[in-house]
Amino acid sequence: MADNLYPEEEIEEEEDDYDEDEEGEEYDTEYRRSLKWDPSTGDFVRDSAGRIMECEGKEAFMMWCLKMIVTERDTNLAYIAEVTGNDLGVEMDDALQEVDRASIQTAIESTITEALEVNPRTEWIGNFSHSWDGDDVHTTFQVKGTEWDDIITINT
């Protein structure tokens, strides 16, 4: 019979892909694969057999960025702070209510930046430009994720 049912040898901890924020909360820092999404159709991409395709981490991050800037904050139950722990999405409706074009552009830049900065994989957001077609505004900007050199350009 064994002397000790619970051996006291130390078990090496495996390295994980998590870091801690200022409050000591852990967050995932690894770019994970995800289901492939087609923003033009608003649906998942499927192969010839009808199976949903996957995309690698960088493309998944890009799709996440795009989804965040087309999702109005607090309008989708899956993205509310009580479920996710973050306020996900933008406040574009509020931004578009500003009094003049310069204020609208500033508010758009602010809400997009705020929406994308909740992801710890976002290194920076910038190089905004706006074009107007009557009362419609189209915004182009760039996003860089951590740990890679590629810069993503997003057009709305």
N, C-alpha and C. Protein backbone atom coordinates (compact mmCIF):
# COMPACT_ATOMS: atom_id res chain seq x y z
N MET A 1 0.85 -1.18 0.00
CA MET A 1 0.00 0.00 0.00
C MET A 1 0.89 1.24 0.00
N ALA A 2 0.47 2.25 -0.71
CA ALA A 2 1.25 3.47 -0.83
C ALA A 2 1.23 4.26 0.47
N ASP A 3 2.35 4.92 0.73
CA ASP A 3 2.44 5.72 1.95
C ASP A 3 1.58 6.98 1.88
N ASN A 4 1.46 7.54 0.68
CA ASN A 4 0.76 8.81 0.54
C ASN A 4 -0.17 8.74 -0.67
N LEU A 5 -1.43 8.92 -0.45
CA LEU A 5 -2.39 8.88 -1.56
C LEU A 5 -2.25 10.09 -2.49
N TYR A 6 -1.76 11.18 -1.96
CA TYR A 6 -1.62 12.41 -2.72
C TYR A 6 -0.15 12.80 -2.78
N PRO A 7 0.55 12.45 -3.85
CA PRO A 7 1.97 12.77 -3.92
C PRO A 7 2.21 14.27 -3.85
N GLU A 8 3.34 14.63 -3.27
CA GLU A 8 3.64 16.03 -3.06
C GLU A 8 4.60 16.61 -4.09
N GLU A 9 4.83 15.90 -5.17
CA GLU A 9 5.73 16.43 -6.19
C GLU A 9 5.09 17.62 -6.90
N GLU A 10 5.92 18.55 -7.27
CA GLU A 10 5.41 19.75 -7.93
C GLU A 10 5.10 19.47 -9.38
N ILE A 11 4.02 20.00 -9.81
CA ILE A 11 3.62 19.86 -11.21
C ILE A 11 3.95 21.15 -11.92
N GLU A 12 4.67 21.03 -13.04
CA GLU A 12 5.02 22.23 -13.81
C GLU A 12 3.78 22.82 -14.45
N GLU A 13 3.64 24.12 -14.30
CA GLU A 13 2.51 24.79 -14.93
C GLU A 13 2.81 25.02 -16.39
N GLU A 14 1.82 24.76 -17.22
CA GLU A 14 1.98 25.01 -18.65
C GLU A 14 1.83 26.49 -18.93
N GLU A 15 2.60 26.96 -19.89
CA GLU A 15 2.43 28.36 -20.30
C GLU A 15 1.11 28.49 -21.02
N ASP A 16 0.41 29.54 -20.74
CA ASP A 16 -0.85 29.77 -21.44
C ASP A 16 -0.76 31.05 -22.25
N ASP A 17 -1.80 31.32 -22.97
CA ASP A 17 -1.84 32.49 -23.84
C ASP A 17 -2.69 33.60 -23.21
N TYR A 18 -2.50 33.81 -21.91
CA TYR A 18 -3.28 34.81 -21.20
C TYR A 18 -2.35 35.81 -20.53
N ASP A 19 -2.78 37.04 -20.48
CA ASP A 19 -2.10 38.10 -19.75
C ASP A 19 -3.11 38.67 -18.76
N GLU A 20 -2.65 39.59 -17.93
CA GLU A 20 -3.55 40.24 -16.98
C GLU A 20 -3.62 41.72 -17.28
N ASP A 21 -4.82 42.30 -17.13
CA ASP A 21 -4.97 43.75 -17.29
C ASP A 21 -4.66 44.44 -15.96
N GLU A 22 -4.90 45.74 -15.89
CA GLU A 22 -4.57 46.51 -14.69
C GLU A 22 -5.30 46.02 -13.45
N GLU A 23 -6.51 45.48 -13.61
CA GLU A 23 -7.28 45.01 -12.46
C GLU A 23 -6.95 43.57 -12.11
N GLY A 24 -5.98 42.95 -12.81
CA GLY A 24 -5.62 41.57 -12.52
C GLY A 24 -6.50 40.56 -13.23
N GLU A 25 -7.40 41.02 -14.08
CA GLU A 25 -8.27 40.12 -14.83
C GLU A 25 -7.48 39.51 -15.98
N GLU A 26 -7.66 38.20 -16.20
CA GLU A 26 -6.98 37.55 -17.31
C GLU A 26 -7.74 37.80 -18.61
N TYR A 27 -6.98 37.93 -19.70
CA TYR A 27 -7.59 38.02 -21.01
C TYR A 27 -6.74 37.24 -22.00
N ASP A 28 -7.40 36.73 -23.01
CA ASP A 28 -6.77 35.89 -24.02
C ASP A 28 -5.96 36.77 -24.96
N THR A 29 -4.69 36.42 -25.17
CA THR A 29 -3.83 37.23 -26.03
C THR A 29 -3.52 36.55 -27.35
N GLU A 30 -3.95 35.33 -27.53
CA GLU A 30 -3.64 34.58 -28.74
C GLU A 30 -4.69 34.85 -29.82
N TYR A 31 -4.24 34.97 -31.05
CA TYR A 31 -5.18 35.09 -32.17
C TYR A 31 -5.72 33.70 -32.47
N ARG A 32 -6.98 33.52 -32.34
CA ARG A 32 -7.61 32.21 -32.53
C ARG A 32 -8.32 32.15 -33.89
N ARG A 33 -8.45 30.94 -34.38
CA ARG A 33 -9.22 30.78 -35.61
C ARG A 33 -10.70 30.94 -35.28
N SER A 34 -11.48 31.17 -36.31
CA SER A 34 -12.90 31.42 -36.10
C SER A 34 -13.65 30.96 -37.34
N LEU A 35 -14.95 31.09 -37.30
CA LEU A 35 -15.75 30.79 -38.48
C LEU A 35 -15.62 31.93 -39.47
N LYS A 36 -15.51 31.57 -40.74
CA LYS A 36 -15.31 32.58 -41.78
C LYS A 36 -16.63 33.29 -42.07
N TRP A 37 -16.55 34.61 -42.19
CA TRP A 37 -17.73 35.46 -42.35
C TRP A 37 -17.59 36.28 -43.62
N ASP A 38 -18.67 36.41 -44.37
CA ASP A 38 -18.67 37.23 -45.58
C ASP A 38 -19.49 38.48 -45.30
N PRO A 39 -18.82 39.64 -45.13
CA PRO A 39 -19.57 40.85 -44.79
C PRO A 39 -20.51 41.32 -45.90
N SER A 40 -20.23 40.97 -47.15
CA SER A 40 -21.12 41.42 -48.23
C SER A 40 -22.45 40.67 -48.23
N THR A 41 -22.44 39.40 -47.80
CA THR A 41 -23.70 38.64 -47.75
C THR A 41 -24.29 38.64 -46.34
N GLY A 42 -23.46 38.97 -45.34
CA GLY A 42 -23.93 38.94 -43.96
C GLY A 42 -24.16 37.53 -43.46
N ASP A 43 -23.37 36.58 -43.97
CA ASP A 43 -23.54 35.19 -43.58
C ASP A 43 -22.19 34.49 -43.54
N PHE A 44 -22.19 33.30 -42.95
CA PHE A 44 -20.97 32.51 -42.89
C PHE A 44 -20.61 32.00 -44.29
N VAL A 45 -19.32 31.81 -44.53
CA VAL A 45 -18.84 31.28 -45.81
C VAL A 45 -18.89 29.76 -45.72
N ARG A 46 -19.43 29.15 -46.75
CA ARG A 46 -19.56 27.69 -46.78
C ARG A 46 -18.79 27.11 -47.95
N ASP A 47 -18.34 25.86 -47.78
CA ASP A 47 -17.67 25.18 -48.89
C ASP A 47 -18.73 24.52 -49.77
N SER A 48 -18.30 23.77 -50.78
CA SER A 48 -19.24 23.18 -51.74
C SER A 48 -20.14 22.13 -51.09
N ALA A 49 -19.74 21.59 -49.95
CA ALA A 49 -20.56 20.61 -49.24
C ALA A 49 -21.50 21.28 -48.22
N GLY A 50 -21.45 22.61 -48.14
CA GLY A 50 -22.33 23.33 -47.23
C GLY A 50 -21.78 23.48 -45.82
N ARG A 51 -20.54 23.04 -45.59
CA ARG A 51 -19.93 23.19 -44.27
C ARG A 51 -19.38 24.61 -44.10
N ILE A 52 -19.52 25.15 -42.91
CA ILE A 52 -18.99 26.48 -42.63
C ILE A 52 -17.47 26.39 -42.59
N MET A 53 -16.83 27.30 -43.30
CA MET A 53 -15.37 27.32 -43.37
C MET A 53 -14.79 28.10 -42.19
N GLU A 54 -13.51 27.86 -41.91
CA GLU A 54 -12.83 28.56 -40.83
C GLU A 54 -11.80 29.52 -41.41
N CYS A 55 -11.39 30.47 -40.61
CA CYS A 55 -10.31 31.38 -40.98
C CYS A 55 -9.31 31.44 -39.84
N GLU A 56 -8.09 31.78 -40.17
CA GLU A 56 -7.03 31.86 -39.17
C GLU A 56 -7.16 33.12 -38.34
N GLY A 57 -6.31 33.26 -37.33
CA GLY A 57 -6.42 34.31 -36.34
C GLY A 57 -6.43 35.73 -36.86
N LYS A 58 -5.55 36.06 -37.80
CA LYS A 58 -5.50 37.44 -38.30
C LYS A 58 -6.78 37.81 -39.03
N GLU A 59 -7.26 36.90 -39.87
CA GLU A 59 -8.50 37.17 -40.59
C GLU A 59 -9.68 37.22 -39.62
N ALA A 60 -9.66 36.38 -38.61
CA ALA A 60 -10.72 36.39 -37.59
C ALA A 60 -10.72 37.72 -36.84
N PHE A 61 -9.54 38.24 -36.53
CA PHE A 61 -9.43 39.54 -35.87
C PHE A 61 -9.99 40.64 -36.76
N MET A 62 -9.67 40.58 -38.06
CA MET A 62 -10.18 41.57 -38.99
C MET A 62 -11.71 41.52 -39.05
N MET A 63 -12.27 40.32 -39.07
CA MET A 63 -13.73 40.17 -39.10
C MET A 63 -14.34 40.69 -37.80
N TRP A 64 -13.65 40.45 -36.67
CA TRP A 64 -14.14 40.98 -35.40
C TRP A 64 -14.19 42.50 -35.45
N CYS A 65 -13.13 43.12 -35.97
CA CYS A 65 -13.10 44.59 -36.09
C CYS A 65 -14.27 45.08 -36.92
N LEU A 66 -14.50 44.45 -38.04
CA LEU A 66 -15.59 44.85 -38.93
C LEU A 66 -16.94 44.70 -38.24
N LYS A 67 -17.14 43.58 -37.56
CA LYS A 67 -18.41 43.37 -36.85
C LYS A 67 -18.62 44.42 -35.77
N MET A 68 -17.56 44.80 -35.07
CA MET A 68 -17.70 45.79 -34.00
C MET A 68 -18.12 47.15 -34.55
N ILE A 69 -17.62 47.53 -35.73
CA ILE A 69 -17.95 48.87 -36.22
C ILE A 69 -19.30 48.91 -36.94
N VAL A 70 -19.90 47.77 -37.21
CA VAL A 70 -21.24 47.77 -37.82
C VAL A 70 -22.31 47.39 -36.80
N THR A 71 -21.90 47.15 -35.56
CA THR A 71 -22.85 46.79 -34.50
C THR A 71 -23.07 47.99 -33.60
N GLU A 72 -24.29 48.45 -33.56
CA GLU A 72 -24.64 49.57 -32.67
C GLU A 72 -24.66 49.04 -31.23
N ARG A 73 -23.97 49.75 -30.36
CA ARG A 73 -23.85 49.32 -28.95
C ARG A 73 -25.23 49.18 -28.31
N ASP A 74 -25.37 48.15 -27.49
CA ASP A 74 -26.59 47.86 -26.71
C ASP A 74 -27.81 47.52 -27.56
N THR A 75 -27.61 47.09 -28.81
CA THR A 75 -28.76 46.68 -29.62
C THR A 75 -28.80 45.18 -29.85
N ASN A 76 -27.75 44.47 -29.48
CA ASN A 76 -27.68 43.04 -29.69
C ASN A 76 -27.38 42.38 -28.34
N LEU A 77 -28.26 41.53 -27.87
CA LEU A 77 -28.10 40.94 -26.55
C LEU A 77 -26.81 40.15 -26.40
N ALA A 78 -26.27 39.60 -27.48
CA ALA A 78 -25.03 38.84 -27.39
C ALA A 78 -23.84 39.72 -27.10
N TYR A 79 -23.96 41.02 -27.35
CA TYR A 79 -22.82 41.93 -27.20
C TYR A 79 -22.95 42.89 -26.03
N ILE A 80 -23.97 42.74 -25.19
CA ILE A 80 -24.13 43.69 -24.09
C ILE A 80 -23.10 43.42 -23.00
N ALA A 81 -22.79 44.45 -22.23
CA ALA A 81 -21.75 44.37 -21.21
C ALA A 81 -22.03 43.30 -20.15
N GLU A 82 -23.29 43.08 -19.81
CA GLU A 82 -23.62 42.09 -18.80
C GLU A 82 -23.24 40.69 -19.25
N VAL A 83 -23.20 40.44 -20.56
CA VAL A 83 -22.85 39.13 -21.10
C VAL A 83 -21.36 39.03 -21.37
N THR A 84 -20.79 40.05 -21.98
CA THR A 84 -19.40 39.98 -22.45
C THR A 84 -18.39 40.57 -21.48
N GLY A 85 -18.84 41.41 -20.57
CA GLY A 85 -17.90 42.10 -19.68
C GLY A 85 -17.37 43.39 -20.29
N ASN A 86 -17.72 43.68 -21.54
CA ASN A 86 -17.30 44.90 -22.22
C ASN A 86 -18.49 45.51 -22.95
N ASP A 87 -18.43 46.82 -23.17
CA ASP A 87 -19.42 47.46 -24.03
C ASP A 87 -18.94 47.28 -25.46
N LEU A 88 -19.53 46.35 -26.18
CA LEU A 88 -19.10 46.06 -27.54
C LEU A 88 -19.95 46.82 -28.54
N GLY A 89 -19.33 47.24 -29.62
CA GLY A 89 -20.02 47.96 -30.67
C GLY A 89 -19.74 49.45 -30.62
N VAL A 90 -20.37 50.17 -31.55
CA VAL A 90 -20.17 51.61 -31.68
C VAL A 90 -21.44 52.36 -31.32
N GLU A 91 -21.30 53.65 -31.13
CA GLU A 91 -22.45 54.54 -30.91
C GLU A 91 -22.56 55.47 -32.11
N MET A 92 -22.76 54.85 -33.27
CA MET A 92 -22.81 55.60 -34.52
C MET A 92 -24.04 56.49 -34.62
N ASP A 93 -25.17 56.01 -34.09
CA ASP A 93 -26.39 56.84 -34.13
C ASP A 93 -26.15 58.17 -33.41
N ASP A 94 -25.50 58.11 -32.26
CA ASP A 94 -25.19 59.35 -31.52
C ASP A 94 -24.20 60.21 -32.28
N ALA A 95 -23.19 59.57 -32.88
CA ALA A 95 -22.16 60.31 -33.63
C ALA A 95 -22.78 61.07 -34.79
N LEU A 96 -23.74 60.46 -35.45
CA LEU A 96 -24.35 61.09 -36.63
C LEU A 96 -25.33 62.20 -36.26
N GLN A 97 -25.64 62.36 -34.98
CA GLN A 97 -26.53 63.42 -34.53
C GLN A 97 -25.80 64.72 -34.20
N GLU A 98 -24.47 64.71 -34.32
CA GLU A 98 -23.70 65.92 -34.05
C GLU A 98 -24.13 67.04 -35.00
N VAL A 99 -23.74 68.28 -34.67
CA VAL A 99 -24.29 69.45 -35.36
C VAL A 99 -23.63 69.77 -36.71
N ASP A 100 -22.37 69.42 -36.89
CA ASP A 100 -21.72 69.74 -38.17
C ASP A 100 -20.81 68.57 -38.58
N ARG A 101 -20.32 68.63 -39.80
CA ARG A 101 -19.52 67.54 -40.35
C ARG A 101 -18.25 67.27 -39.55
N ALA A 102 -17.57 68.31 -39.14
CA ALA A 102 -16.34 68.13 -38.37
C ALA A 102 -16.62 67.41 -37.05
N SER A 103 -17.69 67.78 -36.39
CA SER A 103 -18.06 67.13 -35.13
C SER A 103 -18.49 65.68 -35.35
N ILE A 104 -19.20 65.44 -36.45
CA ILE A 104 -19.60 64.07 -36.79
C ILE A 104 -18.37 63.21 -37.02
N GLN A 105 -17.43 63.71 -37.80
CA GLN A 105 -16.21 62.96 -38.09
C GLN A 105 -15.43 62.64 -36.83
N THR A 106 -15.32 63.61 -35.94
CA THR A 106 -14.62 63.40 -34.67
C THR A 106 -15.33 62.34 -33.83
N ALA A 107 -16.65 62.42 -33.77
CA ALA A 107 -17.43 61.45 -32.99
C ALA A 107 -17.32 60.04 -33.59
N ILE A 108 -17.30 59.94 -34.91
CA ILE A 108 -17.14 58.64 -35.57
C ILE A 108 -15.78 58.04 -35.22
N GLU A 109 -14.73 58.84 -35.31
CA GLU A 109 -13.39 58.36 -34.98
C GLU A 109 -13.32 57.90 -33.53
N SER A 110 -13.94 58.66 -32.65
CA SER A 110 -13.92 58.34 -31.23
C SER A 110 -14.65 57.02 -30.94
N THR A 111 -15.84 56.85 -31.50
CA THR A 111 -16.61 55.64 -31.20
C THR A 111 -15.98 54.40 -31.82
N ILE A 112 -15.40 54.52 -33.00
CA ILE A 112 -14.71 53.38 -33.62
C ILE A 112 -13.48 53.01 -32.79
N THR A 113 -12.70 54.00 -32.40
CA THR A 113 -11.49 53.74 -31.61
C THR A 113 -11.86 53.08 -30.30
N GLU A 114 -12.86 53.61 -29.62
CA GLU A 114 -13.30 53.04 -28.35
C GLU A 114 -13.78 51.60 -28.52
N ALA A 115 -14.52 51.33 -29.59
CA ALA A 115 -15.05 49.98 -29.83
C ALA A 115 -13.94 48.96 -30.07
N LEU A 116 -12.91 49.35 -30.79
CA LEU A 116 -11.85 48.40 -31.14
C LEU A 116 -10.81 48.25 -30.04
N GLU A 117 -10.66 49.25 -29.19
CA GLU A 117 -9.67 49.17 -28.13
C GLU A 117 -10.05 48.22 -27.00
N VAL A 118 -11.29 47.72 -26.96
CA VAL A 118 -11.65 46.75 -25.92
C VAL A 118 -10.93 45.43 -26.14
N ASN A 119 -10.45 45.19 -27.34
CA ASN A 119 -9.75 43.95 -27.65
C ASN A 119 -8.26 44.13 -27.37
N PRO A 120 -7.69 43.34 -26.47
CA PRO A 120 -6.26 43.51 -26.14
C PRO A 120 -5.34 43.20 -27.31
N ARG A 121 -5.85 42.62 -28.37
CA ARG A 121 -5.03 42.33 -29.55
C ARG A 121 -4.89 43.55 -30.46
N THR A 122 -5.63 44.61 -30.18
CA THR A 122 -5.57 45.83 -30.99
C THR A 122 -4.39 46.67 -30.52
N GLU A 123 -3.42 46.89 -31.41
CA GLU A 123 -2.26 47.71 -31.06
C GLU A 123 -2.57 49.18 -31.27
N TRP A 124 -3.11 49.53 -32.45
CA TRP A 124 -3.50 50.92 -32.68
C TRP A 124 -4.55 51.02 -33.77
N ILE A 125 -5.27 52.14 -33.75
CA ILE A 125 -6.29 52.49 -34.74
C ILE A 125 -5.98 53.91 -35.17
N GLY A 126 -5.97 54.19 -36.46
CA GLY A 126 -5.67 55.55 -36.89
C GLY A 126 -5.80 55.75 -38.38
N ASN A 127 -5.23 56.86 -38.86
CA ASN A 127 -5.26 57.25 -40.27
C ASN A 127 -6.69 57.29 -40.82
N PHE A 128 -7.56 57.96 -40.08
CA PHE A 128 -8.96 58.10 -40.50
C PHE A 128 -9.07 59.08 -41.66
N SER A 129 -9.95 58.77 -42.59
CA SER A 129 -10.34 59.72 -43.62
C SER A 129 -11.84 59.54 -43.85
N HIS A 130 -12.47 60.63 -44.24
CA HIS A 130 -13.93 60.63 -44.42
C HIS A 130 -14.26 61.22 -45.78
N SER A 131 -15.24 60.63 -46.43
CA SER A 131 -15.75 61.21 -47.67
C SER A 131 -17.27 61.33 -47.54
N TRP A 132 -17.77 62.41 -48.06
CA TRP A 132 -19.20 62.70 -47.93
C TRP A 132 -19.87 62.59 -49.29
N ASP A 133 -21.05 61.97 -49.30
CA ASP A 133 -21.90 61.88 -50.48
C ASP A 133 -23.27 62.38 -50.04
N GLY A 134 -23.47 63.69 -50.18
CA GLY A 134 -24.68 64.31 -49.63
C GLY A 134 -24.61 64.26 -48.12
N ASP A 135 -25.60 63.61 -47.50
CA ASP A 135 -25.62 63.47 -46.05
C ASP A 135 -24.96 62.16 -45.58
N ASP A 136 -24.54 61.32 -46.51
CA ASP A 136 -23.89 60.05 -46.15
C ASP A 136 -22.39 60.25 -46.00
N VAL A 137 -21.85 59.67 -44.95
CA VAL A 137 -20.41 59.75 -44.71
C VAL A 137 -19.83 58.33 -44.80
N HIS A 138 -18.71 58.23 -45.47
CA HIS A 138 -17.97 56.97 -45.59
C HIS A 138 -16.61 57.18 -44.93
N THR A 139 -16.25 56.26 -44.05
CA THR A 139 -15.02 56.40 -43.27
C THR A 139 -14.06 55.26 -43.62
N THR A 140 -12.81 55.62 -43.77
CA THR A 140 -11.73 54.66 -43.98
C THR A 140 -10.72 54.86 -42.87
N PHE A 141 -10.22 53.76 -42.32
CA PHE A 141 -9.22 53.86 -41.27
C PHE A 141 -8.38 52.59 -41.27
N GLN A 142 -7.32 52.61 -40.47
CA GLN A 142 -6.43 51.47 -40.38
C GLN A 142 -6.37 50.94 -38.95
N VAL A 143 -6.16 49.62 -38.86
CA VAL A 143 -6.04 48.94 -37.58
C VAL A 143 -4.80 48.05 -37.64
N LYS A 144 -4.03 48.05 -36.57
CA LYS A 144 -2.89 47.14 -36.48
C LYS A 144 -3.06 46.28 -35.24
N GLY A 145 -2.95 44.98 -35.43
CA GLY A 145 -2.99 44.05 -34.31
C GLY A 145 -1.61 43.87 -33.73
N THR A 146 -1.57 43.42 -32.50
CA THR A 146 -0.28 43.16 -31.86
C THR A 146 0.38 41.95 -32.51
N GLU A 147 1.68 41.92 -32.44
CA GLU A 147 2.49 40.78 -32.86
C GLU A 147 2.49 40.50 -34.36
N TRP A 148 2.09 41.43 -35.20
CA TRP A 148 2.29 41.25 -36.62
C TRP A 148 2.48 42.60 -37.28
N ASP A 149 3.06 42.60 -38.48
CA ASP A 149 3.39 43.83 -39.16
C ASP A 149 2.29 44.33 -40.09
N ASP A 150 1.33 43.47 -40.42
CA ASP A 150 0.26 43.84 -41.35
C ASP A 150 -0.63 44.91 -40.75
N ILE A 151 -1.06 45.82 -41.61
CA ILE A 151 -2.01 46.86 -41.22
C ILE A 151 -3.29 46.61 -42.02
N ILE A 152 -4.41 46.58 -41.33
CA ILE A 152 -5.71 46.32 -41.95
C ILE A 152 -6.34 47.66 -42.28
N THR A 153 -6.83 47.83 -43.50
CA THR A 153 -7.58 49.02 -43.88
C THR A 153 -9.05 48.64 -43.96
N ILE A 154 -9.89 49.38 -43.27
CA ILE A 154 -11.32 49.11 -43.24
C ILE A 154 -12.06 50.30 -43.81
N ASN A 155 -12.98 50.03 -44.73
CA ASN A 155 -13.83 51.05 -45.36
C ASN A 155 -15.27 50.82 -44.92
N THR A 156 -15.94 51.89 -44.54
CA THR A 156 -17.36 51.75 -44.17
C THR A 156 -18.21 52.50 -45.18
